[in-house]
Amino acid sequence: MEGSVISKELIEAFRPIIEINNAQFRQVKTMLAGFIATQERDLDYMDGYMDTLFNFMDPRSDTETLMRQYYNYIATFDPKEAKARIERLEDDMG
């Protein structure tokens, strides 16, 4: 019985973090769509938004998929940079 109380308390304790991560994910997803639509090419500017995904990225998750979409977009104008980033991501994600 006590174990279930602790689990509920932990879930409630982590709820604000989960909500923040979900909000950041939605923002980054929206920003990526905007970068693609406007054909943005400034990597420093885009990285400023996209790098927040690394704060809560898990292998084979929606966050990793979104980062791969970003790298695929980079490949449309800088294939060498995109390849290097994809290789680093694959090393980091295992």
PDB file of N, CA and C in Angstrom:
ATOM      1  N   MET A   1       0.821  -1.202   0.000  1.00  0.00           N
ATOM      2  CA  MET A   1       0.000   0.000   0.000  1.00  0.00           C
ATOM      3  C   MET A   1       0.860   1.260   0.000  1.00  0.00           C
ATOM      4  N   GLU A   2       1.862   1.278   0.842  1.00  0.00           N
ATOM      5  CA  GLU A   2       2.725   2.451   0.930  1.00  0.00           C
ATOM      6  C   GLU A   2       3.475   2.688  -0.377  1.00  0.00           C
ATOM      7  N   GLY A   3       3.877   1.618  -1.067  1.00  0.00           N
ATOM      8  CA  GLY A   3       4.578   1.749  -2.336  1.00  0.00           C
ATOM      9  C   GLY A   3       3.761   2.490  -3.374  1.00  0.00           C
ATOM     10  N   SER A   4       2.454   2.254  -3.398  1.00  0.00           N
ATOM     11  CA  SER A   4       1.613   2.943  -4.377  1.00  0.00           C
ATOM     12  C   SER A   4       1.482   4.423  -4.048  1.00  0.00           C
ATOM     13  N   VAL A   5       1.499   4.769  -2.769  1.00  0.00           N
ATOM     14  CA  VAL A   5       1.450   6.180  -2.364  1.00  0.00           C
ATOM     15  C   VAL A   5       2.725   6.887  -2.822  1.00  0.00           C
ATOM     16  N   ILE A   6       3.857   6.246  -2.634  1.00  0.00           N
ATOM     17  CA  ILE A   6       5.125   6.842  -3.053  1.00  0.00           C
ATOM     18  C   ILE A   6       5.130   7.023  -4.566  1.00  0.00           C
ATOM     19  N   SER A   7       4.647   6.035  -5.291  1.00  0.00           N
ATOM     20  CA  SER A   7       4.607   6.143  -6.745  1.00  0.00           C
ATOM     21  C   SER A   7       3.736   7.318  -7.184  1.00  0.00           C
ATOM     22  N   LYS A   8       2.598   7.482  -6.564  1.00  0.00           N
ATOM     23  CA  LYS A   8       1.718   8.606  -6.909  1.00  0.00           C
ATOM     24  C   LYS A   8       2.389   9.936  -6.583  1.00  0.00           C
ATOM     25  N   GLU A   9       3.088   9.975  -5.464  1.00  0.00           N
ATOM     26  CA  GLU A   9       3.791  11.196  -5.083  1.00  0.00           C
ATOM     27  C   GLU A   9       4.908  11.513  -6.070  1.00  0.00           C
ATOM     28  N   LEU A  10       5.621  10.488  -6.501  1.00  0.00           N
ATOM     29  CA  LEU A  10       6.684  10.702  -7.490  1.00  0.00           C
ATOM     30  C   LEU A  10       6.115  11.186  -8.814  1.00  0.00           C
ATOM     31  N   ILE A  11       5.030  10.584  -9.219  1.00  0.00           N
ATOM     32  CA  ILE A  11       4.385  11.017 -10.469  1.00  0.00           C
ATOM     33  C   ILE A  11       3.995  12.480 -10.370  1.00  0.00           C
ATOM     34  N   GLU A  12       3.405  12.863  -9.275  1.00  0.00           N
ATOM     35  CA  GLU A  12       2.996  14.260  -9.094  1.00  0.00           C
ATOM     36  C   GLU A  12       4.204  15.188  -9.004  1.00  0.00           C
ATOM     37  N   ALA A  13       5.288  14.705  -8.408  1.00  0.00           N
ATOM     38  CA  ALA A  13       6.493  15.531  -8.298  1.00  0.00           C
ATOM     39  C   ALA A  13       7.114  15.793  -9.666  1.00  0.00           C
ATOM     40  N   PHE A  14       7.041  14.800 -10.550  1.00  0.00           N
ATOM     41  CA  PHE A  14       7.639  14.937 -11.878  1.00  0.00           C
ATOM     42  C   PHE A  14       6.696  15.545 -12.907  1.00  0.00           C
ATOM     43  N   ARG A  15       5.430  15.685 -12.585  1.00  0.00           N
ATOM     44  CA  ARG A  15       4.454  16.225 -13.537  1.00  0.00           C
ATOM     45  C   ARG A  15       4.860  17.587 -14.113  1.00  0.00           C
ATOM     46  N   PRO A  16       5.324  18.543 -13.301  1.00  0.00           N
ATOM     47  CA  PRO A  16       5.731  19.845 -13.876  1.00  0.00           C
ATOM     48  C   PRO A  16       6.878  19.711 -14.884  1.00  0.00           C
ATOM     49  N   ILE A  17       7.799  18.807 -14.617  1.00  0.00           N
ATOM     50  CA  ILE A  17       8.917  18.599 -15.542  1.00  0.00           C
ATOM     51  C   ILE A  17       8.409  18.027 -16.853  1.00  0.00           C
ATOM     52  N   ILE A  18       7.518  17.074 -16.769  1.00  0.00           N
ATOM     53  CA  ILE A  18       6.927  16.475 -17.970  1.00  0.00           C
ATOM     54  C   ILE A  18       6.181  17.524 -18.781  1.00  0.00           C
ATOM     55  N   GLU A  19       5.431  18.372 -18.107  1.00  0.00           N
ATOM     56  CA  GLU A  19       4.683  19.426 -18.797  1.00  0.00           C
ATOM     57  C   GLU A  19       5.617  20.415 -19.487  1.00  0.00           C
ATOM     58  N   ILE A  20       6.719  20.769 -18.832  1.00  0.00           N
ATOM     59  CA  ILE A  20       7.697  21.676 -19.440  1.00  0.00           C
ATOM     60  C   ILE A  20       8.323  21.020 -20.672  1.00  0.00           C
ATOM     61  N   ASN A  21       8.702  19.753 -20.548  1.00  0.00           N
ATOM     62  CA  ASN A  21       9.289  19.047 -21.686  1.00  0.00           C
ATOM     63  C   ASN A  21       8.310  18.964 -22.854  1.00  0.00           C
ATOM     64  N   ASN A  22       7.052  18.691 -22.563  1.00  0.00           N
ATOM     65  CA  ASN A  22       6.041  18.637 -23.627  1.00  0.00           C
ATOM     66  C   ASN A  22       5.876  19.993 -24.305  1.00  0.00           C
ATOM     67  N   ALA A  23       5.883  21.059 -23.524  1.00  0.00           N
ATOM     68  CA  ALA A  23       5.769  22.405 -24.093  1.00  0.00           C
ATOM     69  C   ALA A  23       6.982  22.733 -24.960  1.00  0.00           C
ATOM     70  N   GLN A  24       8.169  22.370 -24.496  1.00  0.00           N
ATOM     71  CA  GLN A  24       9.385  22.616 -25.288  1.00  0.00           C
ATOM     72  C   GLN A  24       9.356  21.807 -26.575  1.00  0.00           C
ATOM     73  N   PHE A  25       8.890  20.577 -26.492  1.00  0.00           N
ATOM     74  CA  PHE A  25       8.801  19.738 -27.690  1.00  0.00           C
ATOM     75  C   PHE A  25       7.874  20.379 -28.717  1.00  0.00           C
ATOM     76  N   ARG A  26       6.708  20.841 -28.268  1.00  0.00           N
ATOM     77  CA  ARG A  26       5.761  21.475 -29.196  1.00  0.00           C
ATOM     78  C   ARG A  26       6.359  22.739 -29.809  1.00  0.00           C
ATOM     79  N   GLN A  27       7.071  23.531 -29.018  1.00  0.00           N
ATOM     80  CA  GLN A  27       7.696  24.744 -29.529  1.00  0.00           C
ATOM     81  C   GLN A  27       8.743  24.411 -30.583  1.00  0.00           C
ATOM     82  N   VAL A  28       9.592  23.434 -30.296  1.00  0.00           N
ATOM     83  CA  VAL A  28      10.649  23.064 -31.232  1.00  0.00           C
ATOM     84  C   VAL A  28      10.044  22.506 -32.522  1.00  0.00           C
ATOM     85  N   LYS A  29       9.005  21.709 -32.402  1.00  0.00           N
ATOM     86  CA  LYS A  29       8.332  21.155 -33.578  1.00  0.00           C
ATOM     87  C   LYS A  29       7.776  22.279 -34.454  1.00  0.00           C
ATOM     88  N   THR A  30       7.185  23.263 -33.824  1.00  0.00           N
ATOM     89  CA  THR A  30       6.645  24.415 -34.547  1.00  0.00           C
ATOM     90  C   THR A  30       7.763  25.228 -35.194  1.00  0.00           C
ATOM     91  N   MET A  31       8.845  25.428 -34.447  1.00  0.00           N
ATOM     92  CA  MET A  31       9.968  26.193 -34.992  1.00  0.00           C
ATOM     93  C   MET A  31      10.575  25.477 -36.198  1.00  0.00           C
ATOM     94  N   LEU A  32      10.731  24.168 -36.126  1.00  0.00           N
ATOM     95  CA  LEU A  32      11.291  23.427 -37.252  1.00  0.00           C
ATOM     96  C   LEU A  32      10.415  23.585 -38.487  1.00  0.00           C
ATOM     97  N   ALA A  33       9.121  23.501 -38.321  1.00  0.00           N
ATOM     98  CA  ALA A  33       8.213  23.704 -39.455  1.00  0.00           C
ATOM     99  C   ALA A  33       8.408  25.102 -40.038  1.00  0.00           C
ATOM    100  N   GLY A  34       8.606  26.093 -39.172  1.00  0.00           N
ATOM    101  CA  GLY A  34       8.855  27.453 -39.637  1.00  0.00           C
ATOM    102  C   GLY A  34      10.183  27.587 -40.357  1.00  0.00           C
ATOM    103  N   PHE A  35      11.214  26.940 -39.834  1.00  0.00           N
ATOM    104  CA  PHE A  35      12.530  26.982 -40.495  1.00  0.00           C
ATOM    105  C   PHE A  35      12.428  26.419 -41.909  1.00  0.00           C
ATOM    106  N   ILE A  36      11.725  25.318 -42.025  1.00  0.00           N
ATOM    107  CA  ILE A  36      11.579  24.679 -43.335  1.00  0.00           C
ATOM    108  C   ILE A  36      10.757  25.563 -44.268  1.00  0.00           C
ATOM    109  N   ALA A  37       9.669  26.103 -43.768  1.00  0.00           N
ATOM    110  CA  ALA A  37       8.782  26.938 -44.594  1.00  0.00           C
ATOM    111  C   ALA A  37       9.484  28.202 -45.089  1.00  0.00           C
ATOM    112  N   THR A  38      10.332  28.774 -44.242  1.00  0.00           N
ATOM    113  CA  THR A  38      11.012  30.027 -44.620  1.00  0.00           C
ATOM    114  C   THR A  38      12.400  29.783 -45.201  1.00  0.00           C
ATOM    115  N   GLN A  39      12.778  28.518 -45.292  1.00  0.00           N
ATOM    116  CA  GLN A  39      14.089  28.116 -45.804  1.00  0.00           C
ATOM    117  C   GLN A  39      15.232  28.771 -45.029  1.00  0.00           C
ATOM    118  N   GLU A  40      15.081  28.779 -43.714  1.00  0.00           N
ATOM    119  CA  GLU A  40      16.113  29.314 -42.819  1.00  0.00           C
ATOM    120  C   GLU A  40      17.404  28.523 -43.019  1.00  0.00           C
ATOM    121  N   ARG A  41      18.541  29.213 -42.948  1.00  0.00           N
ATOM    122  CA  ARG A  41      19.839  28.562 -43.146  1.00  0.00           C
ATOM    123  C   ARG A  41      20.835  28.873 -42.025  1.00  0.00           C
ATOM    124  N   ASP A  42      20.470  29.682 -41.068  1.00  0.00           N
ATOM    125  CA  ASP A  42      21.366  30.077 -39.988  1.00  0.00           C
ATOM    126  C   ASP A  42      21.379  28.983 -38.916  1.00  0.00           C
ATOM    127  N   LEU A  43      22.427  28.145 -38.946  1.00  0.00           N
ATOM    128  CA  LEU A  43      22.496  27.007 -38.036  1.00  0.00           C
ATOM    129  C   LEU A  43      22.564  27.432 -36.569  1.00  0.00           C
ATOM    130  N   ASP A  44      23.302  28.491 -36.269  1.00  0.00           N
ATOM    131  CA  ASP A  44      23.382  28.954 -34.884  1.00  0.00           C
ATOM    132  C   ASP A  44      22.013  29.356 -34.364  1.00  0.00           C
ATOM    133  N   TYR A  45      21.276  30.063 -35.173  1.00  0.00           N
ATOM    134  CA  TYR A  45      19.924  30.502 -34.792  1.00  0.00           C
ATOM    135  C   TYR A  45      19.022  29.291 -34.571  1.00  0.00           C
ATOM    136  N   MET A  46      19.020  28.364 -35.526  1.00  0.00           N
ATOM    137  CA  MET A  46      18.152  27.196 -35.414  1.00  0.00           C
ATOM    138  C   MET A  46      18.581  26.298 -34.253  1.00  0.00           C
ATOM    139  N   ASP A  47      19.877  26.123 -34.080  1.00  0.00           N
ATOM    140  CA  ASP A  47      20.368  25.299 -32.979  1.00  0.00           C
ATOM    141  C   ASP A  47      19.925  25.839 -31.626  1.00  0.00           C
ATOM    142  N   GLY A  48      19.804  27.141 -31.524  1.00  0.00           N
ATOM    143  CA  GLY A  48      19.347  27.747 -30.282  1.00  0.00           C
ATOM    144  C   GLY A  48      18.001  27.217 -29.834  1.00  0.00           C
ATOM    145  N   TYR A  49      17.165  26.868 -30.764  1.00  0.00           N
ATOM    146  CA  TYR A  49      15.863  26.265 -30.454  1.00  0.00           C
ATOM    147  C   TYR A  49      15.955  24.745 -30.394  1.00  0.00           C
ATOM    148  N   MET A  50      16.577  24.166 -31.384  1.00  0.00           N
ATOM    149  CA  MET A  50      16.577  22.714 -31.528  1.00  0.00           C
ATOM    150  C   MET A  50      17.368  22.008 -30.425  1.00  0.00           C
ATOM    151  N   ASP A  51      18.421  22.619 -29.933  1.00  0.00           N
ATOM    152  CA  ASP A  51      19.261  21.959 -28.935  1.00  0.00           C
ATOM    153  C   ASP A  51      18.546  21.708 -27.615  1.00  0.00           C
ATOM    154  N   THR A  52      17.422  22.366 -27.377  1.00  0.00           N
ATOM    155  CA  THR A  52      16.681  22.095 -26.139  1.00  0.00           C
ATOM    156  C   THR A  52      16.188  20.649 -26.098  1.00  0.00           C
ATOM    157  N   LEU A  53      16.073  20.006 -27.260  1.00  0.00           N
ATOM    158  CA  LEU A  53      15.642  18.603 -27.286  1.00  0.00           C
ATOM    159  C   LEU A  53      16.627  17.699 -26.555  1.00  0.00           C
ATOM    160  N   PHE A  54      17.898  18.073 -26.545  1.00  0.00           N
ATOM    161  CA  PHE A  54      18.897  17.236 -25.895  1.00  0.00           C
ATOM    162  C   PHE A  54      18.677  17.148 -24.385  1.00  0.00           C
ATOM    163  N   ASN A  55      17.927  18.082 -23.820  1.00  0.00           N
ATOM    164  CA  ASN A  55      17.669  18.062 -22.374  1.00  0.00           C
ATOM    165  C   ASN A  55      16.803  16.882 -21.963  1.00  0.00           C
ATOM    166  N   PHE A  56      16.027  16.338 -22.895  1.00  0.00           N
ATOM    167  CA  PHE A  56      15.113  15.254 -22.530  1.00  0.00           C
ATOM    168  C   PHE A  56      14.964  14.213 -23.647  1.00  0.00           C
ATOM    169  N   MET A  57      16.008  14.029 -24.419  1.00  0.00           N
ATOM    170  CA  MET A  57      15.958  13.103 -25.552  1.00  0.00           C
ATOM    171  C   MET A  57      16.243  11.675 -25.098  1.00  0.00           C
ATOM    172  N   ASP A  58      15.430  10.769 -25.599  1.00  0.00           N
ATOM    173  CA  ASP A  58      15.619   9.338 -25.376  1.00  0.00           C
ATOM    174  C   ASP A  58      15.759   8.651 -26.725  1.00  0.00           C
ATOM    175  N   PRO A  59      16.499   7.539 -26.751  1.00  0.00           N
ATOM    176  CA  PRO A  59      16.605   6.789 -28.007  1.00  0.00           C
ATOM    177  C   PRO A  59      15.230   6.345 -28.512  1.00  0.00           C
ATOM    178  N   ARG A  60      15.060   6.412 -29.817  1.00  0.00           N
ATOM    179  CA  ARG A  60      13.841   5.976 -30.507  1.00  0.00           C
ATOM    180  C   ARG A  60      12.587   6.681 -29.990  1.00  0.00           C
ATOM    181  N   SER A  61      12.727   7.915 -29.632  1.00  0.00           N
ATOM    182  CA  SER A  61      11.600   8.691 -29.108  1.00  0.00           C
ATOM    183  C   SER A  61      11.177   9.747 -30.130  1.00  0.00           C
ATOM    184  N   ASP A  62      10.084  10.419 -29.819  1.00  0.00           N
ATOM    185  CA  ASP A  62       9.635  11.515 -30.675  1.00  0.00           C
ATOM    186  C   ASP A  62      10.681  12.624 -30.739  1.00  0.00           C
ATOM    187  N   THR A  63      11.406  12.826 -29.649  1.00  0.00           N
ATOM    188  CA  THR A  63      12.432  13.872 -29.651  1.00  0.00           C
ATOM    189  C   THR A  63      13.579  13.512 -30.594  1.00  0.00           C
ATOM    190  N   GLU A  64      13.987  12.256 -30.586  1.00  0.00           N
ATOM    191  CA  GLU A  64      15.046  11.840 -31.507  1.00  0.00           C
ATOM    192  C   GLU A  64      14.552  11.950 -32.952  1.00  0.00           C
ATOM    193  N   THR A  65      13.318  11.555 -33.193  1.00  0.00           N
ATOM    194  CA  THR A  65      12.751  11.644 -34.543  1.00  0.00           C
ATOM    195  C   THR A  65      12.731  13.088 -35.023  1.00  0.00           C
ATOM    196  N   LEU A  66      12.338  14.003 -34.149  1.00  0.00           N
ATOM    197  CA  LEU A  66      12.297  15.418 -34.519  1.00  0.00           C
ATOM    198  C   LEU A  66      13.700  15.942 -34.821  1.00  0.00           C
ATOM    199  N   MET A  67      14.689  15.530 -34.029  1.00  0.00           N
ATOM    200  CA  MET A  67      16.062  15.967 -34.286  1.00  0.00           C
ATOM    201  C   MET A  67      16.549  15.410 -35.625  1.00  0.00           C
ATOM    202  N   ARG A  68      16.192  14.190 -35.934  1.00  0.00           N
ATOM    203  CA  ARG A  68      16.574  13.617 -37.235  1.00  0.00           C
ATOM    204  C   ARG A  68      15.904  14.381 -38.386  1.00  0.00           C
ATOM    205  N   GLN A  69      14.683  14.820 -38.189  1.00  0.00           N
ATOM    206  CA  GLN A  69      14.017  15.639 -39.212  1.00  0.00           C
ATOM    207  C   GLN A  69      14.780  16.943 -39.415  1.00  0.00           C
ATOM    208  N   TYR A  70      15.255  17.521 -38.326  1.00  0.00           N
ATOM    209  CA  TYR A  70      16.056  18.744 -38.404  1.00  0.00           C
ATOM    210  C   TYR A  70      17.336  18.489 -39.200  1.00  0.00           C
ATOM    211  N   TYR A  71      18.010  17.387 -38.893  1.00  0.00           N
ATOM    212  CA  TYR A  71      19.240  17.067 -39.612  1.00  0.00           C
ATOM    213  C   TYR A  71      18.963  16.771 -41.082  1.00  0.00           C
ATOM    214  N   ASN A  72      17.840  16.152 -41.372  1.00  0.00           N
ATOM    215  CA  ASN A  72      17.462  15.933 -42.772  1.00  0.00           C
ATOM    216  C   ASN A  72      17.236  17.261 -43.488  1.00  0.00           C
ATOM    217  N   TYR A  73      16.674  18.224 -42.770  1.00  0.00           N
ATOM    218  CA  TYR A  73      16.499  19.556 -43.354  1.00  0.00           C
ATOM    219  C   TYR A  73      17.870  20.194 -43.616  1.00  0.00           C
ATOM    220  N   ILE A  74      18.771  20.104 -42.647  1.00  0.00           N
ATOM    221  CA  ILE A  74      20.120  20.662 -42.831  1.00  0.00           C
ATOM    222  C   ILE A  74      20.777  20.041 -44.063  1.00  0.00           C
ATOM    223  N   ALA A  75      20.528  18.766 -44.297  1.00  0.00           N
ATOM    224  CA  ALA A  75      21.129  18.071 -45.442  1.00  0.00           C
ATOM    225  C   ALA A  75      20.718  18.687 -46.768  1.00  0.00           C
ATOM    226  N   THR A  76      19.617  19.421 -46.807  1.00  0.00           N
ATOM    227  CA  THR A  76      19.172  20.041 -48.059  1.00  0.00           C
ATOM    228  C   THR A  76      20.065  21.208 -48.470  1.00  0.00           C
ATOM    229  N   PHE A  77      20.819  21.764 -47.507  1.00  0.00           N
ATOM    230  CA  PHE A  77      21.705  22.880 -47.859  1.00  0.00           C
ATOM    231  C   PHE A  77      23.136  22.707 -47.366  1.00  0.00           C
ATOM    232  N   ASP A  78      23.391  21.727 -46.484  1.00  0.00           N
ATOM    233  CA  ASP A  78      24.746  21.468 -45.998  1.00  0.00           C
ATOM    234  C   ASP A  78      24.878  19.972 -45.663  1.00  0.00           C
ATOM    235  N   PRO A  79      24.984  19.143 -46.696  1.00  0.00           N
ATOM    236  CA  PRO A  79      25.010  17.692 -46.482  1.00  0.00           C
ATOM    237  C   PRO A  79      26.144  17.209 -45.573  1.00  0.00           C
ATOM    238  N   LYS A  80      27.307  17.835 -45.676  1.00  0.00           N
ATOM    239  CA  LYS A  80      28.449  17.424 -44.857  1.00  0.00           C
ATOM    240  C   LYS A  80      28.162  17.656 -43.368  1.00  0.00           C
ATOM    241  N   GLU A  81      27.627  18.814 -43.048  1.00  0.00           N
ATOM    242  CA  GLU A  81      27.288  19.138 -41.659  1.00  0.00           C
ATOM    243  C   GLU A  81      26.194  18.193 -41.145  1.00  0.00           C
ATOM    244  N   ALA A  82      25.202  17.933 -41.955  1.00  0.00           N
ATOM    245  CA  ALA A  82      24.114  17.039 -41.554  1.00  0.00           C
ATOM    246  C   ALA A  82      24.641  15.640 -41.267  1.00  0.00           C
ATOM    247  N   LYS A  83      25.516  15.153 -42.119  1.00  0.00           N
ATOM    248  CA  LYS A  83      26.089  13.813 -41.926  1.00  0.00           C
ATOM    249  C   LYS A  83      26.854  13.736 -40.610  1.00  0.00           C
ATOM    250  N   ALA A  84      27.649  14.748 -40.320  1.00  0.00           N
ATOM    251  CA  ALA A  84      28.419  14.771 -39.069  1.00  0.00           C
ATOM    252  C   ALA A  84      27.483  14.778 -37.860  1.00  0.00           C
ATOM    253  N   ARG A  85      26.421  15.528 -37.941  1.00  0.00           N
ATOM    254  CA  ARG A  85      25.467  15.595 -36.833  1.00  0.00           C
ATOM    255  C   ARG A  85      24.736  14.271 -36.647  1.00  0.00           C
ATOM    256  N   ILE A  86      24.340  13.660 -37.740  1.00  0.00           N
ATOM    257  CA  ILE A  86      23.646  12.370 -37.655  1.00  0.00           C
ATOM    258  C   ILE A  86      24.572  11.324 -37.037  1.00  0.00           C
ATOM    259  N   GLU A  87      25.824  11.327 -37.429  1.00  0.00           N
ATOM    260  CA  GLU A  87      26.790  10.372 -36.861  1.00  0.00           C
ATOM    261  C   GLU A  87      26.954  10.583 -35.356  1.00  0.00           C
ATOM    262  N   ARG A  88      27.038  11.856 -34.913  1.00  0.00           N
ATOM    263  CA  ARG A  88      27.150  12.146 -33.474  1.00  0.00           C
ATOM    264  C   ARG A  88      25.895  11.698 -32.741  1.00  0.00           C
ATOM    265  N   LEU A  89      24.738  11.955 -33.342  1.00  0.00           N
ATOM    266  CA  LEU A  89      23.485  11.557 -32.719  1.00  0.00           C
ATOM    267  C   LEU A  89      23.414  10.039 -32.562  1.00  0.00           C
ATOM    268  N   GLU A  90      23.803   9.322 -33.598  1.00  0.00           N
ATOM    269  CA  GLU A  90      23.770   7.862 -33.537  1.00  0.00           C
ATOM    270  C   GLU A  90      24.742   7.335 -32.487  1.00  0.00           C
ATOM    271  N   ASP A  91      25.902   7.957 -32.357  1.00  0.00           N
ATOM    272  CA  ASP A  91      26.832   7.563 -31.300  1.00  0.00           C
ATOM    273  C   ASP A  91      26.228   7.822 -29.912  1.00  0.00           C
ATOM    274  N   ASP A  92      25.598   8.983 -29.758  1.00  0.00           N
ATOM    275  CA  ASP A  92      25.011   9.346 -28.465  1.00  0.00           C
ATOM    276  C   ASP A  92      23.816   8.460 -28.112  1.00  0.00           C
ATOM    277  N   MET A  93      23.019   8.103 -29.103  1.00  0.00           N
ATOM    278  CA  MET A  93      21.801   7.326 -28.849  1.00  0.00           C
ATOM    279  C   MET A  93      22.059   5.818 -28.802  1.00  0.00           C
ATOM    280  N   GLY A  94      23.231   5.411 -29.258  1.00  0.00           N
ATOM    281  CA  GLY A  94      23.596   3.990 -29.179  1.00  0.00           C
ATOM    282  C   GLY A  94      23.100   3.155 -30.291  1.00  0.00           C
TER     283      GLY A  94
END
